[in-house]
Amino acid sequence: MMDVTDADFAAEVIGAELPVLVEFTADWCPPCRQMGPVLKALASEEGDRLKVVQLDVDSNPMTTNAYKVLSMPTFMVFRGGEPVKSMVGARAKRRLLEELADVL
């Protein structure tokens, strides 16, 4: 799982060939930290079908504001350069996979 920034968001997310799950996160957010192991597992298990990245909202305000992210963690799935799904709040891996089923 990689970190993306305002500078490389277009290349890593908008230009990606696979669907991309972006977690908008912050160091001070306990539910975000809780999602770390879940997202790492998801990235290793679904890496051939889904790219998983994190974006720190405090260091990357341009992207955060562009997608009107107000709560952490916010998950957005991008496909073909467009956001196709958005989810807010921590969740179990099984539930996250269920919610991603229609975009994978």
C-alpha atoms as a PDB file:
ATOM      1  CA  MET A   1       0.000   0.000   0.000  1.00  0.00           C
ATOM      2  CA  MET A   2       1.465   3.339  -0.984  1.00  0.00           C
ATOM      3  CA  ASP A   3       1.013   6.946   0.067  1.00  0.00           C
ATOM      4  CA  VAL A   4      -0.065   9.483  -2.540  1.00  0.00           C
ATOM      5  CA  THR A   5       0.175  13.284  -2.414  1.00  0.00           C
ATOM      6  CA  ASP A   6      -1.347  16.290  -4.140  1.00  0.00           C
ATOM      7  CA  ALA A   7       1.681  16.185  -6.467  1.00  0.00           C
ATOM      8  CA  ASP A   8       1.301  12.582  -7.665  1.00  0.00           C
ATOM      9  CA  PHE A   9      -2.461  12.004  -7.215  1.00  0.00           C
ATOM     10  CA  ALA A  10      -3.205  12.490 -10.921  1.00  0.00           C
ATOM     11  CA  ALA A  11      -0.503  10.031 -11.996  1.00  0.00           C
ATOM     12  CA  GLU A  12      -1.099   7.387  -9.325  1.00  0.00           C
ATOM     13  CA  VAL A  13      -4.905   7.508  -9.028  1.00  0.00           C
ATOM     14  CA  ILE A  14      -6.504   9.331 -11.979  1.00  0.00           C
ATOM     15  CA  GLY A  15      -4.151   7.690 -14.493  1.00  0.00           C
ATOM     16  CA  ALA A  16      -4.181   4.195 -12.963  1.00  0.00           C
ATOM     17  CA  GLU A  17      -5.254   1.243 -15.094  1.00  0.00           C
ATOM     18  CA  LEU A  18      -6.784  -0.664 -12.160  1.00  0.00           C
ATOM     19  CA  PRO A  19      -9.580   0.661  -9.956  1.00  0.00           C
ATOM     20  CA  VAL A  20      -7.997   2.552  -7.036  1.00  0.00           C
ATOM     21  CA  LEU A  21      -9.212   2.594  -3.434  1.00  0.00           C
ATOM     22  CA  VAL A  22      -8.052   5.839  -1.796  1.00  0.00           C
ATOM     23  CA  GLU A  23      -8.183   6.184   1.970  1.00  0.00           C
ATOM     24  CA  PHE A  24      -8.268   9.842   3.021  1.00  0.00           C
ATOM     25  CA  THR A  25      -6.564   9.590   6.403  1.00  0.00           C
ATOM     26  CA  ALA A  26      -4.884  11.562   9.186  1.00  0.00           C
ATOM     27  CA  ASP A  27      -2.297  10.704  11.848  1.00  0.00           C
ATOM     28  CA  TRP A  28      -4.581  11.996  14.621  1.00  0.00           C
ATOM     29  CA  CYS A  29      -7.528   9.769  13.580  1.00  0.00           C
ATOM     30  CA  PRO A  30      -7.837   6.518  15.647  1.00  0.00           C
ATOM     31  CA  PRO A  31     -10.289   4.825  13.188  1.00  0.00           C
ATOM     32  CA  CYS A  32      -7.815   5.572  10.371  1.00  0.00           C
ATOM     33  CA  ARG A  33      -5.008   3.822  12.258  1.00  0.00           C
ATOM     34  CA  GLN A  34      -7.384   0.914  12.901  1.00  0.00           C
ATOM     35  CA  MET A  35      -7.865   0.552   9.117  1.00  0.00           C
ATOM     36  CA  GLY A  36      -4.115   0.222   8.421  1.00  0.00           C
ATOM     37  CA  PRO A  37      -3.852  -3.581   8.799  1.00  0.00           C
ATOM     38  CA  VAL A  38      -7.173  -4.068   6.955  1.00  0.00           C
ATOM     39  CA  LEU A  39      -5.986  -2.041   3.968  1.00  0.00           C
ATOM     40  CA  LYS A  40      -2.558  -3.733   3.913  1.00  0.00           C
ATOM     41  CA  ALA A  41      -4.268  -7.137   3.801  1.00  0.00           C
ATOM     42  CA  LEU A  42      -6.663  -5.935   1.092  1.00  0.00           C
ATOM     43  CA  ALA A  43      -3.750  -4.563  -0.967  1.00  0.00           C
ATOM     44  CA  SER A  44      -1.864  -7.856  -0.827  1.00  0.00           C
ATOM     45  CA  GLU A  45      -4.911 -10.060  -1.499  1.00  0.00           C
ATOM     46  CA  GLU A  46      -6.553  -7.944  -4.225  1.00  0.00           C
ATOM     47  CA  GLY A  47      -3.449  -6.325  -5.726  1.00  0.00           C
ATOM     48  CA  ASP A  48      -4.101  -7.783  -9.172  1.00  0.00           C
ATOM     49  CA  ARG A  49      -7.621  -6.243  -9.272  1.00  0.00           C
ATOM     50  CA  LEU A  50      -7.353  -3.164  -7.044  1.00  0.00           C
ATOM     51  CA  LYS A  51      -4.730  -0.573  -6.184  1.00  0.00           C
ATOM     52  CA  VAL A  52      -4.895   0.629  -2.557  1.00  0.00           C
ATOM     53  CA  VAL A  53      -3.406   3.999  -1.554  1.00  0.00           C
ATOM     54  CA  GLN A  54      -3.543   6.456   1.343  1.00  0.00           C
ATOM     55  CA  LEU A  55      -3.650  10.242   1.223  1.00  0.00           C
ATOM     56  CA  ASP A  56      -2.865  12.280   4.353  1.00  0.00           C
ATOM     57  CA  VAL A  57      -5.492  15.042   4.481  1.00  0.00           C
ATOM     58  CA  ASP A  58      -3.345  17.419   6.544  1.00  0.00           C
ATOM     59  CA  SER A  59      -0.394  17.364   4.121  1.00  0.00           C
ATOM     60  CA  ASN A  60      -2.515  17.312   0.947  1.00  0.00           C
ATOM     61  CA  PRO A  61      -5.301  19.912   1.223  1.00  0.00           C
ATOM     62  CA  MET A  62      -5.734  20.429  -2.542  1.00  0.00           C
ATOM     63  CA  THR A  63      -6.900  16.865  -3.240  1.00  0.00           C
ATOM     64  CA  THR A  64      -8.846  16.677   0.028  1.00  0.00           C
ATOM     65  CA  ASN A  65     -10.783  19.852  -0.821  1.00  0.00           C
ATOM     66  CA  ALA A  66     -11.230  18.924  -4.487  1.00  0.00           C
ATOM     67  CA  TYR A  67     -13.190  15.807  -3.452  1.00  0.00           C
ATOM     68  CA  LYS A  68     -14.946  17.566  -0.533  1.00  0.00           C
ATOM     69  CA  VAL A  69     -13.620  15.138   2.079  1.00  0.00           C
ATOM     70  CA  LEU A  70     -14.770  16.233   5.543  1.00  0.00           C
ATOM     71  CA  SER A  71     -14.631  13.069   7.691  1.00  0.00           C
ATOM     72  CA  MET A  72     -11.847  10.577   8.294  1.00  0.00           C
ATOM     73  CA  PRO A  73     -11.451   7.933   7.198  1.00  0.00           C
ATOM     74  CA  THR A  74     -13.167   8.487   3.850  1.00  0.00           C
ATOM     75  CA  PHE A  75     -12.703   5.811   1.203  1.00  0.00           C
ATOM     76  CA  MET A  76     -13.157   6.625  -2.478  1.00  0.00           C
ATOM     77  CA  VAL A  77     -12.923   4.231  -5.371  1.00  0.00           C
ATOM     78  CA  PHE A  78     -11.683   5.707  -8.646  1.00  0.00           C
ATOM     79  CA  ARG A  79     -12.149   3.912 -11.951  1.00  0.00           C
ATOM     80  CA  GLY A  80     -11.098   5.422 -15.268  1.00  0.00           C
ATOM     81  CA  GLY A  81     -10.076   8.606 -13.479  1.00  0.00           C
ATOM     82  CA  GLU A  82     -13.500   9.216 -11.932  1.00  0.00           C
ATOM     83  CA  PRO A  83     -14.733   8.636  -8.369  1.00  0.00           C
ATOM     84  CA  VAL A  84     -17.359   5.873  -8.604  1.00  0.00           C
ATOM     85  CA  LYS A  85     -17.958   5.109  -4.923  1.00  0.00           C
ATOM     86  CA  SER A  86     -17.477   6.828  -1.576  1.00  0.00           C
ATOM     87  CA  MET A  87     -17.690   5.405   1.967  1.00  0.00           C
ATOM     88  CA  VAL A  88     -17.094   7.096   5.314  1.00  0.00           C
ATOM     89  CA  GLY A  89     -15.912   5.431   8.521  1.00  0.00           C
ATOM     90  CA  ALA A  90     -13.895   2.420   9.587  1.00  0.00           C
ATOM     91  CA  ARG A  91     -15.232  -1.028   8.692  1.00  0.00           C
ATOM     92  CA  ALA A  92     -14.247  -4.663   8.909  1.00  0.00           C
ATOM     93  CA  LYS A  93     -12.374  -6.176   5.948  1.00  0.00           C
ATOM     94  CA  ARG A  94     -15.293  -8.463   5.054  1.00  0.00           C
ATOM     95  CA  ARG A  95     -17.720  -5.529   4.926  1.00  0.00           C
ATOM     96  CA  LEU A  96     -15.250  -3.443   2.907  1.00  0.00           C
ATOM     97  CA  LEU A  97     -14.887  -6.278   0.388  1.00  0.00           C
ATOM     98  CA  GLU A  98     -18.677  -6.592   0.130  1.00  0.00           C
ATOM     99  CA  GLU A  99     -18.980  -2.861  -0.540  1.00  0.00           C
ATOM    100  CA  LEU A 100     -16.225  -3.023  -3.170  1.00  0.00           C
ATOM    101  CA  ALA A 101     -17.688  -6.058  -4.979  1.00  0.00           C
ATOM    102  CA  ASP A 102     -19.645  -3.974  -7.504  1.00  0.00           C
ATOM    103  CA  VAL A 103     -16.612  -1.892  -8.537  1.00  0.00           C
ATOM    104  CA  LEU A 104     -14.004  -4.663  -8.819  1.00  0.00           C
END
